[in-house]
N, C-alpha and C. Protein backbone atom coordinates (compact mmCIF):
# COMPACT_ATOMS: atom_id res chain seq x y z
N UNK A 1 83.27 84.36 25.64
CA UNK A 1 84.39 85.31 25.65
C UNK A 1 85.49 84.79 24.73
N UNK A 2 86.01 85.66 23.95
CA UNK A 2 87.07 85.31 23.01
C UNK A 2 88.33 84.86 23.76
N UNK A 3 89.00 83.88 23.21
CA UNK A 3 90.22 83.37 23.82
C UNK A 3 91.43 84.16 23.32
N UNK A 4 92.20 84.69 24.24
CA UNK A 4 93.35 85.52 23.89
C UNK A 4 94.69 84.85 24.21
N UNK A 5 94.69 83.53 24.44
CA UNK A 5 95.92 82.85 24.82
C UNK A 5 97.01 82.94 23.75
N UNK A 6 96.66 82.77 22.47
CA UNK A 6 97.66 82.86 21.40
C UNK A 6 98.26 84.26 21.32
N UNK A 7 97.41 85.27 21.41
CA UNK A 7 97.89 86.64 21.38
C UNK A 7 98.80 86.90 22.57
N UNK A 8 98.39 86.44 23.74
CA UNK A 8 99.18 86.66 24.95
C UNK A 8 100.57 86.02 24.81
N UNK A 9 100.63 84.83 24.23
CA UNK A 9 101.91 84.16 24.03
C UNK A 9 102.81 84.99 23.11
N UNK A 10 102.23 85.56 22.05
CA UNK A 10 103.00 86.41 21.14
C UNK A 10 103.46 87.69 21.83
N UNK A 11 102.56 88.28 22.60
CA UNK A 11 102.89 89.53 23.29
C UNK A 11 103.98 89.33 24.33
N UNK A 12 104.01 88.16 24.95
CA UNK A 12 105.02 87.90 25.98
C UNK A 12 106.43 87.82 25.40
N UNK A 13 106.54 87.72 24.07
CA UNK A 13 107.85 87.70 23.42
C UNK A 13 108.43 89.11 23.27
N UNK A 14 107.59 90.12 23.44
CA UNK A 14 108.02 91.51 23.29
C UNK A 14 108.56 92.06 24.61
N UNK A 15 109.31 93.17 24.50
CA UNK A 15 109.80 93.84 25.70
C UNK A 15 108.75 94.87 26.14
N UNK A 16 108.52 94.93 27.44
CA UNK A 16 107.54 95.86 28.01
C UNK A 16 108.23 96.75 29.02
N UNK A 17 107.80 98.01 29.18
CA UNK A 17 106.71 98.69 28.47
C UNK A 17 107.07 98.97 27.01
N UNK A 18 106.03 99.11 26.21
CA UNK A 18 106.21 99.32 24.78
C UNK A 18 104.98 100.03 24.21
N UNK A 19 105.19 100.74 23.09
CA UNK A 19 104.06 101.34 22.38
C UNK A 19 103.38 100.22 21.62
N UNK A 20 102.07 100.10 21.79
CA UNK A 20 101.30 99.06 21.12
C UNK A 20 100.25 99.71 20.24
N UNK A 21 100.06 99.17 19.05
CA UNK A 21 99.06 99.69 18.12
C UNK A 21 97.83 98.79 18.14
N UNK A 22 96.72 99.36 18.57
CA UNK A 22 95.43 98.68 18.54
C UNK A 22 94.68 99.13 17.30
N UNK A 23 93.96 98.20 16.66
CA UNK A 23 93.12 98.57 15.51
C UNK A 23 91.76 97.91 15.68
N UNK A 24 90.74 98.72 15.52
CA UNK A 24 89.37 98.24 15.64
C UNK A 24 88.55 98.76 14.48
N UNK A 25 87.55 97.99 14.08
CA UNK A 25 86.52 98.45 13.15
C UNK A 25 85.24 98.51 13.98
N UNK A 26 84.61 99.68 13.97
CA UNK A 26 83.44 99.93 14.81
C UNK A 26 82.29 100.44 13.93
N UNK A 27 81.05 99.99 14.20
CA UNK A 27 79.92 100.59 13.47
C UNK A 27 79.94 102.11 13.65
N UNK A 28 79.57 102.84 12.61
CA UNK A 28 79.59 104.31 12.66
C UNK A 28 78.42 104.80 13.53
N UNK A 29 78.63 104.69 14.82
CA UNK A 29 77.64 105.06 15.83
C UNK A 29 78.41 105.80 16.92
N UNK A 30 77.98 107.03 17.22
CA UNK A 30 78.73 107.86 18.17
C UNK A 30 78.97 107.18 19.51
N UNK A 31 77.97 106.46 20.01
CA UNK A 31 78.12 105.79 21.30
C UNK A 31 79.20 104.71 21.24
N UNK A 32 79.18 103.90 20.19
CA UNK A 32 80.17 102.82 20.06
C UNK A 32 81.58 103.38 19.86
N UNK A 33 81.69 104.46 19.11
CA UNK A 33 83.00 105.11 18.91
C UNK A 33 83.50 105.67 20.24
N UNK A 34 82.61 106.29 21.00
CA UNK A 34 82.98 106.85 22.30
C UNK A 34 83.39 105.74 23.27
N UNK A 35 82.65 104.63 23.27
CA UNK A 35 83.00 103.51 24.15
C UNK A 35 84.38 102.95 23.80
N UNK A 36 84.67 102.88 22.51
CA UNK A 36 85.98 102.39 22.07
C UNK A 36 87.08 103.35 22.51
N UNK A 37 86.88 104.63 22.30
CA UNK A 37 87.87 105.64 22.70
C UNK A 37 88.10 105.64 24.21
N UNK A 38 87.04 105.36 24.96
CA UNK A 38 87.12 105.38 26.42
C UNK A 38 87.95 104.23 26.99
N UNK A 39 88.31 103.27 26.16
CA UNK A 39 89.17 102.17 26.62
C UNK A 39 90.60 102.65 26.88
N UNK A 40 90.93 103.84 26.38
CA UNK A 40 92.30 104.34 26.43
C UNK A 40 92.38 105.63 27.23
N UNK A 41 93.59 105.94 27.72
CA UNK A 41 93.73 107.16 28.52
C UNK A 41 93.97 108.38 27.62
N UNK A 42 94.06 109.55 28.25
CA UNK A 42 94.16 110.80 27.50
C UNK A 42 95.48 110.95 26.75
N UNK A 43 96.49 110.14 27.08
CA UNK A 43 97.77 110.23 26.40
C UNK A 43 97.84 109.38 25.14
N UNK A 44 96.82 108.60 24.88
CA UNK A 44 96.81 107.72 23.71
C UNK A 44 96.67 108.55 22.43
N UNK A 45 97.31 108.08 21.38
CA UNK A 45 97.22 108.71 20.06
C UNK A 45 96.14 107.95 19.28
N UNK A 46 94.96 108.57 19.14
CA UNK A 46 93.82 107.91 18.51
C UNK A 46 93.50 108.58 17.18
N UNK A 47 93.34 107.75 16.13
CA UNK A 47 92.92 108.30 14.83
C UNK A 47 91.70 107.53 14.33
N UNK A 48 90.86 108.23 13.58
CA UNK A 48 89.60 107.67 13.08
C UNK A 48 89.54 107.83 11.57
N UNK A 49 89.06 106.80 10.89
CA UNK A 49 88.87 106.86 9.45
C UNK A 49 87.52 106.21 9.13
N UNK A 50 86.66 106.96 8.47
CA UNK A 50 85.34 106.45 8.09
C UNK A 50 85.46 105.64 6.81
N UNK A 51 84.71 104.53 6.74
CA UNK A 51 84.72 103.68 5.53
C UNK A 51 84.10 104.44 4.37
N UNK A 52 84.34 103.94 3.17
CA UNK A 52 83.85 104.60 1.95
C UNK A 52 82.34 104.81 1.98
N UNK A 53 81.59 103.82 2.45
CA UNK A 53 80.13 103.94 2.51
C UNK A 53 79.64 104.63 3.78
N UNK A 54 80.56 104.87 4.73
CA UNK A 54 80.19 105.56 5.96
C UNK A 54 79.55 104.69 7.02
N UNK A 55 79.54 103.37 6.81
CA UNK A 55 78.89 102.49 7.78
C UNK A 55 79.80 102.10 8.94
N UNK A 56 81.11 102.18 8.72
CA UNK A 56 82.06 101.78 9.77
C UNK A 56 83.12 102.85 9.96
N UNK A 57 83.74 102.81 11.14
CA UNK A 57 84.86 103.69 11.43
C UNK A 57 86.02 102.82 11.89
N UNK A 58 87.18 103.06 11.28
CA UNK A 58 88.40 102.40 11.70
C UNK A 58 89.01 103.25 12.82
N UNK A 59 89.28 102.62 13.95
CA UNK A 59 89.87 103.31 15.09
C UNK A 59 91.25 102.71 15.33
N UNK A 60 92.28 103.53 15.17
CA UNK A 60 93.66 103.10 15.41
C UNK A 60 94.18 103.84 16.63
N UNK A 61 94.79 103.10 17.55
CA UNK A 61 95.25 103.70 18.79
C UNK A 61 96.67 103.26 19.09
N UNK A 62 97.55 104.23 19.32
CA UNK A 62 98.90 103.93 19.79
C UNK A 62 98.97 104.39 21.24
N UNK A 63 99.36 103.45 22.10
CA UNK A 63 99.47 103.79 23.52
C UNK A 63 100.60 102.98 24.14
N UNK A 64 101.31 103.59 25.09
CA UNK A 64 102.34 102.88 25.82
C UNK A 64 101.65 101.93 26.79
N UNK A 65 101.94 100.64 26.64
CA UNK A 65 101.35 99.62 27.51
C UNK A 65 102.46 99.06 28.40
N UNK A 66 102.11 98.72 29.64
CA UNK A 66 103.14 98.27 30.57
C UNK A 66 103.43 96.78 30.50
N UNK A 67 102.48 96.01 29.94
CA UNK A 67 102.68 94.56 29.90
C UNK A 67 101.73 93.92 28.89
N UNK A 68 101.99 92.66 28.59
CA UNK A 68 101.09 91.89 27.72
C UNK A 68 99.71 91.80 28.35
N UNK A 69 99.66 91.64 29.67
CA UNK A 69 98.37 91.55 30.36
C UNK A 69 97.55 92.83 30.20
N UNK A 70 98.22 93.98 30.19
CA UNK A 70 97.51 95.26 30.01
C UNK A 70 96.87 95.32 28.63
N UNK A 71 97.56 94.80 27.61
CA UNK A 71 97.02 94.76 26.25
C UNK A 71 95.80 93.85 26.21
N UNK A 72 95.91 92.68 26.80
CA UNK A 72 94.80 91.71 26.83
C UNK A 72 93.59 92.30 27.54
N UNK A 73 93.81 93.05 28.62
CA UNK A 73 92.69 93.68 29.34
C UNK A 73 91.90 94.61 28.43
N UNK A 74 92.60 95.36 27.58
CA UNK A 74 91.91 96.26 26.64
C UNK A 74 91.04 95.45 25.68
N UNK A 75 91.61 94.37 25.11
CA UNK A 75 90.84 93.54 24.17
C UNK A 75 89.64 92.88 24.86
N UNK A 76 89.80 92.47 26.13
CA UNK A 76 88.69 91.86 26.87
C UNK A 76 87.55 92.85 27.08
N UNK A 77 87.89 94.11 27.30
CA UNK A 77 86.86 95.14 27.45
C UNK A 77 86.22 95.46 26.10
N UNK A 78 87.05 95.47 25.05
CA UNK A 78 86.57 95.84 23.72
C UNK A 78 85.52 94.86 23.19
N UNK A 79 85.70 93.56 23.46
CA UNK A 79 84.75 92.58 22.91
C UNK A 79 83.34 92.77 23.46
N UNK A 80 83.20 93.54 24.53
CA UNK A 80 81.88 93.80 25.11
C UNK A 80 81.12 94.89 24.35
N UNK A 81 81.82 95.60 23.45
CA UNK A 81 81.18 96.64 22.65
C UNK A 81 80.53 95.97 21.44
N UNK A 82 79.23 96.13 21.32
CA UNK A 82 78.47 95.45 20.25
C UNK A 82 78.95 95.88 18.87
N UNK A 83 79.27 94.90 18.03
CA UNK A 83 79.62 95.15 16.65
C UNK A 83 81.09 95.46 16.40
N UNK A 84 81.89 95.54 17.45
CA UNK A 84 83.32 95.87 17.27
C UNK A 84 84.08 94.68 16.70
N UNK A 85 85.05 94.99 15.85
CA UNK A 85 85.94 93.96 15.29
C UNK A 85 87.37 94.37 15.66
N UNK A 86 88.08 93.49 16.32
CA UNK A 86 89.48 93.74 16.66
C UNK A 86 90.37 93.18 15.56
N UNK A 87 91.32 93.97 15.13
CA UNK A 87 92.24 93.52 14.08
C UNK A 87 93.61 93.23 14.67
């Protein structure tokens, strides 16, 4: 499991709740894109951009998060999706 301690330390410097921007690169596979989107609630602002060759999709998500721990929970779930890259 990826270590998120450095990120958590940085996030703890911010004021919460706050809008947080998540960015992921996902293989262009409907299931993986759906799993990534499912990490967020219906109020999240999600945008998708396909790579030039069409092999990957960039998923950008803006969502109001209540704490640094809530952000880390999303990343911990995301790493379980095969092929995902968190930016």
